[in-house]
Amino acid sequence: LIIYELGNVFWKHPEIDADKAHNFIMKFLDLNIELMNVHEDEEVLREICDISKNMNITFYDASYIALARRMKAKMITADERLKRSFPETATLIRELVSESA
């Protein structure tokens, strides 16, 4: 999902032209960060669908929850509802900021 997030950031900023956006995304991909394609993993896709329907959250948000669980990682969010619904998975960004202060 990070590629879509990056793309949306560039879309929201008209001062960044298509060439700059493309170059940045390609440099990001060159970092060789492990990315997971949820479309290719039926088990993750099933979990996303289950979370979305059972917890009444967007497929998009459910994707982050499912991926965080799969990677045994915390999902950082500003969404307090997600934190309440998934306290074992979600961490509020303001909690991290206050911990580091």
Protein backbone atom coordinates (compact mmCIF):
# COMPACT_ATOMS: atom_id res chain seq x y z
CA LEU A 1 0.00 0.00 0.00
CA ILE A 2 2.95 2.34 0.50
CA ILE A 3 3.29 2.93 -3.23
CA TYR A 4 -0.32 4.15 -3.34
CA GLU A 5 0.30 6.33 -0.30
CA LEU A 6 3.32 7.90 -1.96
CA GLY A 7 1.39 8.39 -5.18
CA ASN A 8 -1.40 10.16 -3.32
CA VAL A 9 1.08 12.48 -1.60
CA PHE A 10 2.44 13.53 -4.98
CA TRP A 11 -1.07 13.87 -6.41
CA LYS A 12 -2.02 16.27 -3.60
CA HIS A 13 0.98 18.51 -4.31
CA PRO A 14 0.70 20.10 -7.76
CA GLU A 15 4.24 21.50 -7.50
CA ILE A 16 5.57 17.94 -7.84
CA ASP A 17 5.37 16.96 -11.48
CA ALA A 18 4.93 13.42 -12.81
CA ASP A 19 8.64 12.96 -13.56
CA LYS A 20 9.66 13.91 -10.02
CA ALA A 21 6.98 11.65 -8.55
CA HIS A 22 8.10 8.75 -10.72
CA ASN A 23 11.77 9.28 -9.87
CA PHE A 24 11.04 9.39 -6.15
CA ILE A 25 8.97 6.21 -6.25
CA MET A 26 11.70 4.43 -8.23
CA LYS A 27 14.33 5.53 -5.68
CA PHE A 28 12.07 4.29 -2.90
CA LEU A 29 11.79 0.91 -4.62
CA ASP A 30 15.60 0.82 -4.97
CA LEU A 31 15.82 0.75 -1.17
CA ASN A 32 14.76 -2.91 -1.41
CA ILE A 33 12.32 -2.65 1.47
CA GLU A 34 10.29 -5.85 1.76
CA LEU A 35 6.86 -5.16 0.30
CA MET A 36 3.92 -7.54 0.39
CA ASN A 37 1.40 -7.72 -2.42
CA VAL A 38 -1.89 -8.53 -0.74
CA HIS A 39 -3.41 -9.48 -4.08
CA GLU A 40 -1.04 -12.44 -4.33
CA ASP A 41 -1.60 -13.79 -0.82
CA GLU A 42 -5.03 -15.39 -0.55
CA GLU A 43 -4.73 -15.85 3.22
CA VAL A 44 -4.00 -12.15 3.82
CA LEU A 45 -6.74 -11.14 1.41
CA ARG A 46 -9.21 -13.36 3.30
CA GLU A 47 -8.18 -11.78 6.61
CA ILE A 48 -8.62 -8.29 5.17
CA CYS A 49 -12.13 -9.16 3.99
CA ASP A 50 -13.00 -10.71 7.36
CA ILE A 51 -11.70 -7.73 9.34
CA SER A 52 -13.43 -5.24 7.08
CA LYS A 53 -16.84 -6.90 7.20
CA ASN A 54 -16.77 -8.10 10.82
CA MET A 55 -15.42 -4.88 12.31
CA ASN A 56 -17.22 -2.53 9.90
CA ILE A 57 -14.09 -0.70 8.79
CA THR A 58 -12.88 0.15 5.32
CA PHE A 59 -11.07 -2.45 3.28
CA TYR A 60 -8.21 0.03 3.18
CA ASP A 61 -7.91 0.25 6.99
CA ALA A 62 -8.40 -3.51 7.32
CA SER A 63 -5.45 -3.98 4.95
CA TYR A 64 -3.15 -2.16 7.33
CA ILE A 65 -4.40 -4.15 10.31
CA ALA A 66 -3.99 -7.49 8.51
CA LEU A 67 -0.52 -6.61 7.25
CA ALA A 68 0.62 -5.44 10.68
CA ARG A 69 -0.59 -8.71 12.17
CA ARG A 70 1.10 -10.75 9.45
CA MET A 71 4.39 -8.92 9.96
CA LYS A 72 4.05 -9.01 13.77
CA ALA A 73 4.37 -5.23 13.77
CA LYS A 74 2.45 -2.29 15.15
CA MET A 75 0.35 -0.14 12.88
CA ILE A 76 0.88 3.56 13.60
CA THR A 77 -2.31 5.59 13.24
CA ALA A 78 -3.99 8.85 14.21
CA ASP A 79 -7.38 7.09 14.14
CA GLU A 80 -8.59 6.59 17.71
CA ARG A 81 -11.40 4.28 16.58
CA LEU A 82 -8.86 1.91 15.03
CA LYS A 83 -6.82 2.01 18.23
CA ARG A 84 -9.90 1.14 20.31
CA SER A 85 -10.95 -1.63 17.94
CA PHE A 86 -7.45 -3.13 17.56
CA PRO A 87 -5.48 -2.24 20.72
CA GLU A 88 -3.10 -5.16 20.23
CA THR A 89 -2.18 -4.01 16.73
CA ALA A 90 -2.66 -0.24 16.51
CA THR A 91 -0.64 2.44 18.26
CA LEU A 92 -1.61 6.09 18.23
CA ILE A 93 1.05 8.34 16.80
CA ARG A 94 0.53 10.83 19.61
CA GLU A 95 1.45 8.08 22.09
CA LEU A 96 4.77 7.63 20.32
CA VAL A 97 5.39 11.36 20.25
CA SER A 98 4.65 11.73 23.97
CA GLU A 99 6.91 8.75 24.79
CA SER A 100 9.85 10.32 22.96
CA ALA A 101 9.39 13.75 24.55
